Amino acid sequence: MSPSRTLILPTLLLGLFASATIFNLTLSAQDAKRIIFDKSAFFGTSTPLPQWDNGYLISREIENFQAGTANVRLYDLSGTQVRAASIWFPEAVRVLIYSATATPDGRIIAGGSLERPDGTGVGFLARTDLAGKVTDVLQTKGFGPMNVCLAPDGTIWSFGGTGFDRQKRSQPNPGDTLRHFDFRKGEIASYLARSSFPNLPMPETQAGIRCSADEVLAYSSPAKVYIEMKYTADAPQVYHTEEPAGLQFHGFAATGSRKIYAHFSKLAKTGLYYLAFDDASKTAHWLPVRGAVGTYNSLGVIIGLWGADGDKLVVSRAEDPTGNTALHWVSPVAE
């Protein structure tokens, strides 16, 4: 058996965030699962980075111009495609898929917008059956559902945008950015006014959202804020963050309460970071996982973070000869 490896999160910098939990990221032969996925999940005409959620790797095409073309695909633990959906509407000339997730039984949920021949558009949430056929559609007028996740009760949470005034193009339209939807009832709640964020850059871009057992979590890299809200709470908690200097945000995952991870990289530098909180000041700081940050050819370095599977992170590792398409399941362990 190969020896186990432990990646250790560093002592907190300069005594800051002293209340933060320290984690080891344990990678051992016993718990490290490795699966090679079909390249089509990662590479396509307009394919962004995929996401692991609810037992599936979810891949999408951002832009589509015709009916019958698959724009969301699911891949299971075999590494192969098991479902595809063509999300299209008869009145559309273009459909954009901003974000997608899956139900545990394999139905697809997507957030996007459609464009009509006259140039007008409308946001939507769509849900498919187990054959990939669209069965439910909810219009999200005045709101672009850029990031979506599925709560345990079957409702949808989205961190998204309100668009911009047609005359004052730099002025965002009023409205909330964190919204809660039900396919039967429509929008059931909303939080965090767009005016609480800077006009530009748009907070909903380079962002992510995750639904856990008891809370919804979102992160906006442009706004440098982390958002958490218990499903039973009246309002979200917002933390201002500091990101690794010179790096770009590429992935976001949570394995439990306050166990928040992200992948940052630029050029040859890449790695895994965790979020350390200071509740007194409502701030947080991304700190590197020791041994998991470095150059793309360094042993142990994380080159992709695709999501979480229970208490495990789903990642890609620099030393794997297959590259990003080989996914590893690793266990962060609290000390």
C-alpha atoms as a PDB file:
ATOM      1  CA  MET A   1       0.000   0.000   0.000  1.00  0.00           C
ATOM      2  CA  SER A   2       1.172   3.501  -0.694  1.00  0.00           C
ATOM      3  CA  PRO A   3       1.987   5.654   2.337  1.00  0.00           C
ATOM      4  CA  SER A   4      -0.633   8.173   3.418  1.00  0.00           C
ATOM      5  CA  ARG A   5       0.077  11.873   2.998  1.00  0.00           C
ATOM      6  CA  THR A   6      -1.179  14.694   5.166  1.00  0.00           C
ATOM      7  CA  LEU A   7      -1.462  18.278   3.949  1.00  0.00           C
ATOM      8  CA  ILE A   8      -1.484  20.634   6.911  1.00  0.00           C
ATOM      9  CA  LEU A   9      -3.121  24.017   7.080  1.00  0.00           C
ATOM     10  CA  PRO A  10      -0.650  26.611   8.387  1.00  0.00           C
ATOM     11  CA  THR A  11      -0.504  28.315  11.734  1.00  0.00           C
ATOM     12  CA  LEU A  12      -2.677  31.397  11.472  1.00  0.00           C
ATOM     13  CA  LEU A  13      -0.793  34.352  10.112  1.00  0.00           C
ATOM     14  CA  LEU A  14       0.374  37.004  12.581  1.00  0.00           C
ATOM     15  CA  GLY A  15      -2.052  35.772  15.214  1.00  0.00           C
ATOM     16  CA  LEU A  16      -5.075  36.747  13.113  1.00  0.00           C
ATOM     17  CA  PHE A  17      -8.209  34.623  13.030  1.00  0.00           C
ATOM     18  CA  ALA A  18      -7.102  32.811  16.171  1.00  0.00           C
ATOM     19  CA  SER A  19     -10.532  31.253  16.636  1.00  0.00           C
ATOM     20  CA  ALA A  20     -10.417  29.434  13.295  1.00  0.00           C
ATOM     21  CA  THR A  21     -10.479  25.641  13.221  1.00  0.00           C
ATOM     22  CA  ILE A  22      -7.296  24.022  11.873  1.00  0.00           C
ATOM     23  CA  PHE A  23      -7.639  21.141   9.412  1.00  0.00           C
ATOM     24  CA  ASN A  24      -5.390  18.443   8.083  1.00  0.00           C
ATOM     25  CA  LEU A  25      -6.168  17.300   4.547  1.00  0.00           C
ATOM     26  CA  THR A  26      -5.510  13.577   4.767  1.00  0.00           C
ATOM     27  CA  LEU A  27      -4.887  11.725   1.513  1.00  0.00           C
ATOM     28  CA  SER A  28      -4.404   8.022   2.083  1.00  0.00           C
ATOM     29  CA  ALA A  29      -4.624   4.824   0.108  1.00  0.00           C
ATOM     30  CA  GLN A  30      -7.635   3.874   2.212  1.00  0.00           C
ATOM     31  CA  ASP A  31      -9.795   6.921   1.472  1.00  0.00           C
ATOM     32  CA  ALA A  32      -8.478   8.385  -1.797  1.00  0.00           C
ATOM     33  CA  LYS A  33     -10.840   7.362  -4.613  1.00  0.00           C
ATOM     34  CA  ARG A  34      -9.705   8.138  -8.159  1.00  0.00           C
ATOM     35  CA  ILE A  35     -11.959   8.132 -11.227  1.00  0.00           C
ATOM     36  CA  ILE A  36     -11.086   9.221 -14.758  1.00  0.00           C
ATOM     37  CA  PHE A  37     -13.943  11.108 -16.421  1.00  0.00           C
ATOM     38  CA  ASP A  38     -14.730  11.436 -20.089  1.00  0.00           C
ATOM     39  CA  LYS A  39     -13.042  14.506 -21.578  1.00  0.00           C
ATOM     40  CA  SER A  40     -16.369  15.775 -22.901  1.00  0.00           C
ATOM     41  CA  ALA A  41     -17.229  16.881 -19.349  1.00  0.00           C
ATOM     42  CA  PHE A  42     -14.371  19.373 -19.463  1.00  0.00           C
ATOM     43  CA  PHE A  43     -13.866  20.360 -23.081  1.00  0.00           C
ATOM     44  CA  GLY A  44     -16.376  21.694 -25.610  1.00  0.00           C
ATOM     45  CA  THR A  45     -17.339  24.663 -27.740  1.00  0.00           C
ATOM     46  CA  SER A  46     -18.456  26.753 -24.753  1.00  0.00           C
ATOM     47  CA  THR A  47     -17.834  24.420 -21.815  1.00  0.00           C
ATOM     48  CA  PRO A  48     -16.861  26.059 -18.504  1.00  0.00           C
ATOM     49  CA  LEU A  49     -15.430  24.134 -15.560  1.00  0.00           C
ATOM     50  CA  PRO A  50     -17.754  21.330 -14.422  1.00  0.00           C
ATOM     51  CA  GLN A  51     -19.091  20.921 -10.892  1.00  0.00           C
ATOM     52  CA  TRP A  52     -19.605  17.897  -8.644  1.00  0.00           C
ATOM     53  CA  ASP A  53     -22.922  17.873  -6.773  1.00  0.00           C
ATOM     54  CA  ASN A  54     -25.348  15.258  -5.437  1.00  0.00           C
ATOM     55  CA  GLY A  55     -23.441  12.314  -6.899  1.00  0.00           C
ATOM     56  CA  TYR A  56     -22.847  13.676 -10.399  1.00  0.00           C
ATOM     57  CA  LEU A  57     -20.290  15.676 -12.328  1.00  0.00           C
ATOM     58  CA  ILE A  58     -22.350  18.366 -14.057  1.00  0.00           C
ATOM     59  CA  SER A  59     -21.115  19.801 -17.342  1.00  0.00           C
ATOM     60  CA  ARG A  60     -22.830  22.503 -19.391  1.00  0.00           C
ATOM     61  CA  GLU A  61     -22.525  24.539 -22.547  1.00  0.00           C
ATOM     62  CA  ILE A  62     -22.883  28.251 -21.858  1.00  0.00           C
ATOM     63  CA  GLU A  63     -24.405  29.172 -25.204  1.00  0.00           C
ATOM     64  CA  ASN A  64     -26.760  27.335 -27.544  1.00  0.00           C
ATOM     65  CA  PHE A  65     -28.499  28.471 -30.758  1.00  0.00           C
ATOM     66  CA  GLN A  66     -30.735  25.557 -31.708  1.00  0.00           C
ATOM     67  CA  ALA A  67     -33.117  22.964 -30.326  1.00  0.00           C
ATOM     68  CA  GLY A  68     -31.971  19.383 -29.917  1.00  0.00           C
ATOM     69  CA  THR A  69     -28.416  20.236 -28.875  1.00  0.00           C
ATOM     70  CA  ALA A  70     -27.458  19.022 -25.420  1.00  0.00           C
ATOM     71  CA  ASN A  71     -26.419  21.886 -23.175  1.00  0.00           C
ATOM     72  CA  VAL A  72     -26.331  20.107 -19.778  1.00  0.00           C
ATOM     73  CA  ARG A  73     -24.784  16.682 -19.187  1.00  0.00           C
ATOM     74  CA  LEU A  74     -24.426  14.446 -16.117  1.00  0.00           C
ATOM     75  CA  TYR A  75     -21.600  11.979 -15.471  1.00  0.00           C
ATOM     76  CA  ASP A  76     -21.763   9.391 -12.697  1.00  0.00           C
ATOM     77  CA  LEU A  77     -19.093   7.465 -10.801  1.00  0.00           C
ATOM     78  CA  SER A  78     -18.368   5.368 -13.876  1.00  0.00           C
ATOM     79  CA  GLY A  79     -16.839   8.527 -15.377  1.00  0.00           C
ATOM     80  CA  THR A  80     -19.178   8.376 -18.371  1.00  0.00           C
ATOM     81  CA  GLN A  81     -22.172  10.437 -19.428  1.00  0.00           C
ATOM     82  CA  VAL A  82     -25.449   9.066 -18.075  1.00  0.00           C
ATOM     83  CA  ARG A  83     -27.852  11.894 -18.923  1.00  0.00           C
ATOM     84  CA  ALA A  84     -28.104  14.876 -21.235  1.00  0.00           C
ATOM     85  CA  ALA A  85     -30.678  17.607 -21.658  1.00  0.00           C
ATOM     86  CA  SER A  86     -31.391  20.090 -24.417  1.00  0.00           C
ATOM     87  CA  ILE A  87     -32.891  23.057 -22.596  1.00  0.00           C
ATOM     88  CA  TRP A  88     -34.569  25.112 -25.289  1.00  0.00           C
ATOM     89  CA  PHE A  89     -37.718  27.183 -25.817  1.00  0.00           C
ATOM     90  CA  PRO A  90     -39.706  27.655 -29.067  1.00  0.00           C
ATOM     91  CA  GLU A  91     -39.564  31.477 -28.861  1.00  0.00           C
ATOM     92  CA  ALA A  92     -35.774  31.539 -28.337  1.00  0.00           C
ATOM     93  CA  VAL A  93     -33.001  32.349 -30.781  1.00  0.00           C
ATOM     94  CA  ARG A  94     -30.346  31.798 -28.121  1.00  0.00           C
ATOM     95  CA  VAL A  95     -30.283  30.082 -24.732  1.00  0.00           C
ATOM     96  CA  LEU A  96     -27.622  30.716 -22.112  1.00  0.00           C
ATOM     97  CA  ILE A  97     -27.052  28.236 -19.293  1.00  0.00           C
ATOM     98  CA  TYR A  98     -25.486  30.102 -16.371  1.00  0.00           C
ATOM     99  CA  SER A  99     -25.410  27.290 -13.832  1.00  0.00           C
ATOM    100  CA  ALA A 100     -26.674  23.753 -13.337  1.00  0.00           C
ATOM    101  CA  THR A 101     -27.025  21.133 -10.633  1.00  0.00           C
ATOM    102  CA  ALA A 102     -28.595  17.700 -10.254  1.00  0.00           C
ATOM    103  CA  THR A 103     -31.063  16.053  -7.937  1.00  0.00           C
ATOM    104  CA  PRO A 104     -29.821  12.947  -6.100  1.00  0.00           C
ATOM    105  CA  ASP A 105     -31.930  10.742  -8.409  1.00  0.00           C
ATOM    106  CA  GLY A 106     -30.421  12.301 -11.545  1.00  0.00           C
ATOM    107  CA  ARG A 107     -32.774  15.029 -12.744  1.00  0.00           C
ATOM    108  CA  ILE A 108     -31.182  18.224 -14.060  1.00  0.00           C
ATOM    109  CA  ILE A 109     -31.866  21.714 -12.716  1.00  0.00           C
ATOM    110  CA  ALA A 110     -30.487  24.680 -14.652  1.00  0.00           C
ATOM    111  CA  GLY A 111     -30.540  28.436 -14.386  1.00  0.00           C
ATOM    112  CA  GLY A 112     -30.178  30.581 -17.467  1.00  0.00           C
ATOM    113  CA  SER A 113     -31.789  33.043 -19.833  1.00  0.00           C
ATOM    114  CA  LEU A 114     -33.398  32.949 -23.244  1.00  0.00           C
ATOM    115  CA  GLU A 115     -33.099  35.591 -25.943  1.00  0.00           C
ATOM    116  CA  ARG A 116     -36.001  36.318 -28.303  1.00  0.00           C
ATOM    117  CA  PRO A 117     -35.752  37.536 -31.930  1.00  0.00           C
ATOM    118  CA  ASP A 118     -36.470  41.131 -30.857  1.00  0.00           C
ATOM    119  CA  GLY A 119     -33.460  41.097 -28.539  1.00  0.00           C
ATOM    120  CA  THR A 120     -35.435  40.880 -25.298  1.00  0.00           C
ATOM    121  CA  GLY A 121     -34.697  38.149 -22.825  1.00  0.00           C
ATOM    122  CA  VAL A 122     -35.856  36.596 -19.594  1.00  0.00           C
ATOM    123  CA  GLY A 123     -34.211  34.519 -16.901  1.00  0.00           C
ATOM    124  CA  PHE A 124     -35.440  31.030 -16.073  1.00  0.00           C
ATOM    125  CA  LEU A 125     -35.047  27.983 -13.906  1.00  0.00           C
ATOM    126  CA  ALA A 126     -35.698  24.639 -15.593  1.00  0.00           C
ATOM    127  CA  ARG A 127     -36.020  21.083 -14.306  1.00  0.00           C
ATOM    128  CA  THR A 128     -35.954  17.839 -16.299  1.00  0.00           C
ATOM    129  CA  ASP A 129     -37.219  14.321 -15.753  1.00  0.00           C
ATOM    130  CA  LEU A 130     -34.973  11.262 -15.633  1.00  0.00           C
ATOM    131  CA  ALA A 131     -34.909  11.130 -19.433  1.00  0.00           C
ATOM    132  CA  GLY A 132     -33.536  14.669 -19.680  1.00  0.00           C
ATOM    133  CA  LYS A 133     -36.836  16.163 -20.907  1.00  0.00           C
ATOM    134  CA  VAL A 134     -37.756  19.590 -19.491  1.00  0.00           C
ATOM    135  CA  THR A 135     -40.845  19.222 -17.301  1.00  0.00           C
ATOM    136  CA  ASP A 136     -40.871  22.403 -15.180  1.00  0.00           C
ATOM    137  CA  VAL A 137     -39.936  25.986 -16.027  1.00  0.00           C
ATOM    138  CA  LEU A 138     -40.035  29.039 -13.797  1.00  0.00           C
ATOM    139  CA  GLN A 139     -39.427  32.521 -15.207  1.00  0.00           C
ATOM    140  CA  THR A 140     -37.218  34.757 -13.036  1.00  0.00           C
ATOM    141  CA  LYS A 141     -38.145  38.143 -14.489  1.00  0.00           C
ATOM    142  CA  GLY A 142     -35.661  40.846 -13.543  1.00  0.00           C
ATOM    143  CA  PHE A 143     -33.218  38.296 -12.129  1.00  0.00           C
ATOM    144  CA  GLY A 144     -30.467  36.253 -13.745  1.00  0.00           C
ATOM    145  CA  PRO A 145     -29.951  32.976 -11.820  1.00  0.00           C
ATOM    146  CA  MET A 146     -26.191  32.872 -12.351  1.00  0.00           C
ATOM    147  CA  ASN A 147     -25.472  30.358  -9.572  1.00  0.00           C
ATOM    148  CA  VAL A 148     -27.942  27.727  -8.377  1.00  0.00           C
ATOM    149  CA  CYS A 149     -28.083  24.948  -5.798  1.00  0.00           C
ATOM    150  CA  LEU A 150     -30.699  22.467  -4.609  1.00  0.00           C
ATOM    151  CA  ALA A 151     -31.799  22.528  -0.960  1.00  0.00           C
ATOM    152  CA  PRO A 152     -32.771  19.283   0.814  1.00  0.00           C
ATOM    153  CA  ASP A 153     -36.476  20.245   0.644  1.00  0.00           C
ATOM    154  CA  GLY A 154     -36.348  20.431  -3.156  1.00  0.00           C
ATOM    155  CA  THR A 155     -36.372  24.218  -3.385  1.00  0.00           C
ATOM    156  CA  ILE A 156     -33.783  26.197  -5.341  1.00  0.00           C
ATOM    157  CA  TRP A 157     -31.436  28.913  -4.070  1.00  0.00           C
ATOM    158  CA  SER A 158     -29.692  31.288  -6.442  1.00  0.00           C
ATOM    159  CA  PHE A 159     -27.067  34.000  -6.127  1.00  0.00           C
ATOM    160  CA  GLY A 160     -27.548  36.098  -9.217  1.00  0.00           C
ATOM    161  CA  GLY A 161     -27.846  39.479 -10.896  1.00  0.00           C
ATOM    162  CA  THR A 162     -30.524  42.091 -11.522  1.00  0.00           C
ATOM    163  CA  GLY A 163     -29.190  43.450 -14.806  1.00  0.00           C
ATOM    164  CA  PHE A 164     -28.457  47.078 -15.624  1.00  0.00           C
ATOM    165  CA  ASP A 165     -30.540  50.123 -16.429  1.00  0.00           C
ATOM    166  CA  ARG A 166     -30.888  50.473 -20.228  1.00  0.00           C
ATOM    167  CA  GLN A 167     -30.124  54.207 -20.168  1.00  0.00           C
ATOM    168  CA  LYS A 168     -27.611  54.246 -17.297  1.00  0.00           C
ATOM    169  CA  ARG A 169     -25.680  51.177 -18.332  1.00  0.00           C
ATOM    170  CA  SER A 170     -23.364  51.314 -15.315  1.00  0.00           C
ATOM    171  CA  GLN A 171     -26.296  51.472 -12.882  1.00  0.00           C
ATOM    172  CA  PRO A 172     -27.606  48.063 -11.683  1.00  0.00           C
ATOM    173  CA  ASN A 173     -31.349  47.582 -11.521  1.00  0.00           C
ATOM    174  CA  PRO A 174     -32.776  47.394  -8.003  1.00  0.00           C
ATOM    175  CA  GLY A 175     -33.515  44.002  -6.475  1.00  0.00           C
ATOM    176  CA  ASP A 176     -32.029  41.293  -4.288  1.00  0.00           C
ATOM    177  CA  THR A 177     -29.122  39.021  -5.199  1.00  0.00           C
ATOM    178  CA  LEU A 178     -29.846  35.941  -3.052  1.00  0.00           C
ATOM    179  CA  ARG A 179     -33.201  34.411  -3.903  1.00  0.00           C
ATOM    180  CA  HIS A 180     -35.197  31.329  -2.925  1.00  0.00           C
ATOM    181  CA  PHE A 181     -37.477  29.594  -5.444  1.00  0.00           C
ATOM    182  CA  ASP A 182     -40.023  26.802  -5.555  1.00  0.00           C
ATOM    183  CA  PHE A 183     -41.156  25.386  -8.899  1.00  0.00           C
ATOM    184  CA  ARG A 184     -44.779  25.345  -7.705  1.00  0.00           C
ATOM    185  CA  LYS A 185     -44.872  28.618  -5.758  1.00  0.00           C
ATOM    186  CA  GLY A 186     -42.374  30.749  -7.682  1.00  0.00           C
ATOM    187  CA  GLU A 187     -40.051  33.078  -5.793  1.00  0.00           C
ATOM    188  CA  ILE A 188     -40.646  32.630  -2.068  1.00  0.00           C
ATOM    189  CA  ALA A 189     -37.988  34.892  -0.513  1.00  0.00           C
ATOM    190  CA  SER A 190     -35.107  37.215  -1.396  1.00  0.00           C
ATOM    191  CA  TYR A 191     -32.202  38.821   0.446  1.00  0.00           C
ATOM    192  CA  LEU A 192     -29.155  41.079   0.002  1.00  0.00           C
ATOM    193  CA  ALA A 193     -29.996  44.134  -2.094  1.00  0.00           C
ATOM    194  CA  ARG A 194     -27.911  44.662  -5.227  1.00  0.00           C
ATOM    195  CA  SER A 195     -27.193  48.179  -3.897  1.00  0.00           C
ATOM    196  CA  SER A 196     -25.177  46.631  -1.047  1.00  0.00           C
ATOM    197  CA  PHE A 197     -22.515  45.634  -3.608  1.00  0.00           C
ATOM    198  CA  PRO A 198     -20.359  47.853  -5.847  1.00  0.00           C
ATOM    199  CA  ASN A 199     -21.845  48.554  -9.280  1.00  0.00           C
ATOM    200  CA  LEU A 200     -18.883  46.889 -10.967  1.00  0.00           C
ATOM    201  CA  PRO A 201     -17.562  44.286 -11.179  1.00  0.00           C
ATOM    202  CA  MET A 202     -20.760  42.274 -11.044  1.00  0.00           C
ATOM    203  CA  PRO A 203     -20.812  40.217  -7.823  1.00  0.00           C
ATOM    204  CA  GLU A 204     -22.642  37.252  -9.380  1.00  0.00           C
ATOM    205  CA  THR A 205     -19.804  36.511 -11.825  1.00  0.00           C
ATOM    206  CA  GLN A 206     -16.857  34.378 -10.668  1.00  0.00           C
ATOM    207  CA  ALA A 207     -19.043  33.238  -7.807  1.00  0.00           C
ATOM    208  CA  GLY A 208     -20.482  30.029  -6.419  1.00  0.00           C
ATOM    209  CA  ILE A 209     -23.330  28.764  -4.268  1.00  0.00           C
ATOM    210  CA  ARG A 210     -23.773  25.541  -2.312  1.00  0.00           C
ATOM    211  CA  CYS A 211     -26.760  24.140  -0.421  1.00  0.00           C
ATOM    212  CA  SER A 212     -25.863  22.010   2.601  1.00  0.00           C
ATOM    213  CA  ALA A 213     -28.114  20.090   4.979  1.00  0.00           C
ATOM    214  CA  ASP A 214     -29.035  23.167   7.018  1.00  0.00           C
ATOM    215  CA  GLU A 215     -27.756  26.290   5.246  1.00  0.00           C
ATOM    216  CA  VAL A 216     -27.032  27.975   1.943  1.00  0.00           C
ATOM    217  CA  LEU A 217     -23.501  29.264   1.291  1.00  0.00           C
ATOM    218  CA  ALA A 218     -22.299  31.626  -1.419  1.00  0.00           C
ATOM    219  CA  TYR A 219     -19.016  33.242  -2.346  1.00  0.00           C
ATOM    220  CA  SER A 220     -18.405  36.209  -4.662  1.00  0.00           C
ATOM    221  CA  SER A 221     -14.831  36.742  -5.752  1.00  0.00           C
ATOM    222  CA  PRO A 222     -15.428  40.165  -7.427  1.00  0.00           C
ATOM    223  CA  ALA A 223     -17.136  41.509  -4.288  1.00  0.00           C
ATOM    224  CA  LYS A 224     -14.832  39.542  -1.953  1.00  0.00           C
ATOM    225  CA  VAL A 225     -17.697  38.438   0.273  1.00  0.00           C
ATOM    226  CA  TYR A 226     -18.713  35.120   1.782  1.00  0.00           C
ATOM    227  CA  ILE A 227     -22.414  34.651   2.564  1.00  0.00           C
ATOM    228  CA  GLU A 228     -24.004  32.053   4.812  1.00  0.00           C
ATOM    229  CA  MET A 229     -27.625  31.638   5.846  1.00  0.00           C
ATOM    230  CA  LYS A 230     -29.339  28.963   7.886  1.00  0.00           C
ATOM    231  CA  TYR A 231     -32.582  27.855   6.249  1.00  0.00           C
ATOM    232  CA  THR A 232     -34.361  28.790   9.489  1.00  0.00           C
ATOM    233  CA  ALA A 233     -32.763  32.259   9.729  1.00  0.00           C
ATOM    234  CA  ASP A 234     -34.356  35.580   8.861  1.00  0.00           C
ATOM    235  CA  ALA A 235     -31.300  37.039   7.115  1.00  0.00           C
ATOM    236  CA  PRO A 236     -27.885  35.973   5.820  1.00  0.00           C
ATOM    237  CA  GLN A 237     -24.539  36.650   7.480  1.00  0.00           C
ATOM    238  CA  VAL A 238     -21.990  38.429   5.280  1.00  0.00           C
ATOM    239  CA  TYR A 239     -18.209  38.277   5.747  1.00  0.00           C
ATOM    240  CA  HIS A 240     -15.726  40.428   3.858  1.00  0.00           C
ATOM    241  CA  THR A 241     -12.764  38.399   2.675  1.00  0.00           C
ATOM    242  CA  GLU A 242      -9.163  38.718   1.546  1.00  0.00           C
ATOM    243  CA  GLU A 243      -8.017  36.563  -1.359  1.00  0.00           C
ATOM    244  CA  PRO A 244      -4.541  35.234  -2.195  1.00  0.00           C
ATOM    245  CA  ALA A 245      -2.624  38.031  -3.894  1.00  0.00           C
ATOM    246  CA  GLY A 246      -2.292  37.717  -7.660  1.00  0.00           C
ATOM    247  CA  LEU A 247      -4.476  34.627  -8.019  1.00  0.00           C
ATOM    248  CA  GLN A 248      -7.915  34.052  -9.533  1.00  0.00           C
ATOM    249  CA  PHE A 249     -10.865  32.175  -8.048  1.00  0.00           C
ATOM    250  CA  HIS A 250     -11.805  28.938  -9.849  1.00  0.00           C
ATOM    251  CA  GLY A 251     -13.768  26.679  -7.517  1.00  0.00           C
ATOM    252  CA  PHE A 252     -15.699  26.580  -4.246  1.00  0.00           C
ATOM    253  CA  ALA A 253     -16.820  23.753  -1.934  1.00  0.00           C
ATOM    254  CA  ALA A 254     -18.015  23.106   1.605  1.00  0.00           C
ATOM    255  CA  THR A 255     -17.721  19.855   3.575  1.00  0.00           C
ATOM    256  CA  GLY A 256     -19.588  21.133   6.642  1.00  0.00           C
ATOM    257  CA  SER A 257     -20.286  24.176   8.758  1.00  0.00           C
ATOM    258  CA  ARG A 258     -17.375  26.629   8.431  1.00  0.00           C
ATOM    259  CA  LYS A 259     -15.391  24.074   6.429  1.00  0.00           C
ATOM    260  CA  ILE A 260     -15.100  26.160   3.278  1.00  0.00           C
ATOM    261  CA  TYR A 261     -12.543  25.582   0.528  1.00  0.00           C
ATOM    262  CA  ALA A 262     -11.623  27.248  -2.755  1.00  0.00           C
ATOM    263  CA  HIS A 263      -9.240  26.752  -5.636  1.00  0.00           C
ATOM    264  CA  PHE A 264      -7.189  29.761  -6.728  1.00  0.00           C
ATOM    265  CA  SER A 265      -4.673  29.829  -9.566  1.00  0.00           C
ATOM    266  CA  LYS A 266      -2.964  31.948 -12.189  1.00  0.00           C
ATOM    267  CA  LEU A 267      -0.374  30.931 -14.743  1.00  0.00           C
ATOM    268  CA  ALA A 268       1.868  28.306 -13.112  1.00  0.00           C
ATOM    269  CA  LYS A 269       0.724  28.825  -9.509  1.00  0.00           C
ATOM    270  CA  THR A 270      -2.261  26.900  -8.214  1.00  0.00           C
ATOM    271  CA  GLY A 271      -3.639  25.434  -5.048  1.00  0.00           C
ATOM    272  CA  LEU A 272      -6.243  24.766  -2.392  1.00  0.00           C
ATOM    273  CA  TYR A 273      -7.186  27.325   0.260  1.00  0.00           C
ATOM    274  CA  TYR A 274      -9.521  27.289   3.248  1.00  0.00           C
ATOM    275  CA  LEU A 275     -11.499  30.104   4.824  1.00  0.00           C
ATOM    276  CA  ALA A 276     -10.596  31.288   8.331  1.00  0.00           C
ATOM    277  CA  PHE A 277     -13.202  33.412  10.092  1.00  0.00           C
ATOM    278  CA  ASP A 278     -13.111  36.309  12.518  1.00  0.00           C
ATOM    279  CA  ASP A 279     -16.680  36.631  13.791  1.00  0.00           C
ATOM    280  CA  ALA A 280     -15.928  39.743  15.830  1.00  0.00           C
ATOM    281  CA  SER A 281     -15.050  41.782  12.747  1.00  0.00           C
ATOM    282  CA  LYS A 282     -17.203  39.825  10.274  1.00  0.00           C
ATOM    283  CA  THR A 283     -14.149  39.152   8.123  1.00  0.00           C
ATOM    284  CA  ALA A 284     -12.512  36.041   6.711  1.00  0.00           C
ATOM    285  CA  HIS A 285      -9.222  35.223   5.038  1.00  0.00           C
ATOM    286  CA  TRP A 286      -8.298  32.539   2.498  1.00  0.00           C
ATOM    287  CA  LEU A 287      -5.295  30.620   3.853  1.00  0.00           C
ATOM    288  CA  PRO A 288      -3.277  28.028   1.916  1.00  0.00           C
ATOM    289  CA  VAL A 289      -3.411  24.333   2.690  1.00  0.00           C
ATOM    290  CA  ARG A 290       0.243  23.536   3.307  1.00  0.00           C
ATOM    291  CA  GLY A 291       1.531  21.168   0.641  1.00  0.00           C
ATOM    292  CA  ALA A 292      -1.485  21.756  -1.616  1.00  0.00           C
ATOM    293  CA  VAL A 293      -0.325  25.083  -3.079  1.00  0.00           C
ATOM    294  CA  GLY A 294       2.529  25.470  -5.539  1.00  0.00           C
ATOM    295  CA  THR A 295       3.273  25.037  -9.229  1.00  0.00           C
ATOM    296  CA  TYR A 296       1.327  22.795 -11.585  1.00  0.00           C
ATOM    297  CA  ASN A 297       4.092  20.168 -11.642  1.00  0.00           C
ATOM    298  CA  SER A 298       4.587  19.940  -7.850  1.00  0.00           C
ATOM    299  CA  LEU A 299       3.730  16.795  -5.912  1.00  0.00           C
ATOM    300  CA  GLY A 300       0.602  17.165  -3.795  1.00  0.00           C
ATOM    301  CA  VAL A 301      -0.605  20.419  -5.329  1.00  0.00           C
ATOM    302  CA  ILE A 302      -4.327  20.714  -6.076  1.00  0.00           C
ATOM    303  CA  ILE A 303      -5.033  21.862  -9.652  1.00  0.00           C
ATOM    304  CA  GLY A 304      -8.831  21.658  -9.584  1.00  0.00           C
ATOM    305  CA  LEU A 305     -11.638  21.732  -7.016  1.00  0.00           C
ATOM    306  CA  TRP A 306     -14.929  20.423  -8.402  1.00  0.00           C
ATOM    307  CA  GLY A 307     -17.103  20.219  -5.294  1.00  0.00           C
ATOM    308  CA  ALA A 308     -17.727  18.200  -2.168  1.00  0.00           C
ATOM    309  CA  ASP A 309     -19.160  14.726  -1.662  1.00  0.00           C
ATOM    310  CA  GLY A 310     -20.290  14.576   1.948  1.00  0.00           C
ATOM    311  CA  ASP A 311     -17.205  15.192   4.070  1.00  0.00           C
ATOM    312  CA  LYS A 312     -14.831  14.701   1.126  1.00  0.00           C
ATOM    313  CA  LEU A 313     -13.506  17.189  -1.405  1.00  0.00           C
ATOM    314  CA  VAL A 314     -13.506  16.235  -5.086  1.00  0.00           C
ATOM    315  CA  VAL A 315     -10.237  17.509  -6.562  1.00  0.00           C
ATOM    316  CA  SER A 316      -7.652  17.067  -9.293  1.00  0.00           C
ATOM    317  CA  ARG A 317      -3.980  16.669  -8.387  1.00  0.00           C
ATOM    318  CA  ALA A 318      -0.822  17.912 -10.082  1.00  0.00           C
ATOM    319  CA  GLU A 319       1.015  14.594  -9.981  1.00  0.00           C
ATOM    320  CA  ASP A 320      -1.739  12.666 -11.743  1.00  0.00           C
ATOM    321  CA  PRO A 321      -0.540  11.966 -15.298  1.00  0.00           C
ATOM    322  CA  THR A 322      -4.107  12.132 -16.629  1.00  0.00           C
ATOM    323  CA  GLY A 323      -4.506  15.743 -15.497  1.00  0.00           C
ATOM    324  CA  ASN A 324      -7.776  17.490 -14.649  1.00  0.00           C
ATOM    325  CA  THR A 325     -10.018  14.701 -15.915  1.00  0.00           C
ATOM    326  CA  ALA A 326      -8.845  12.376 -13.114  1.00  0.00           C
ATOM    327  CA  LEU A 327     -10.867  13.209  -9.998  1.00  0.00           C
ATOM    328  CA  HIS A 328      -9.773  12.308  -6.473  1.00  0.00           C
ATOM    329  CA  TRP A 329     -11.868  12.112  -3.305  1.00  0.00           C
ATOM    330  CA  VAL A 330      -9.950  13.398  -0.260  1.00  0.00           C
ATOM    331  CA  SER A 331     -10.904  13.851   3.380  1.00  0.00           C
ATOM    332  CA  PRO A 332     -10.242  17.045   5.342  1.00  0.00           C
ATOM    333  CA  VAL A 333      -9.985  16.145   9.037  1.00  0.00           C
ATOM    334  CA  ALA A 334     -10.433  18.726  11.806  1.00  0.00           C
ATOM    335  CA  GLU A 335      -7.837  18.875  14.588  1.00  0.00           C
END
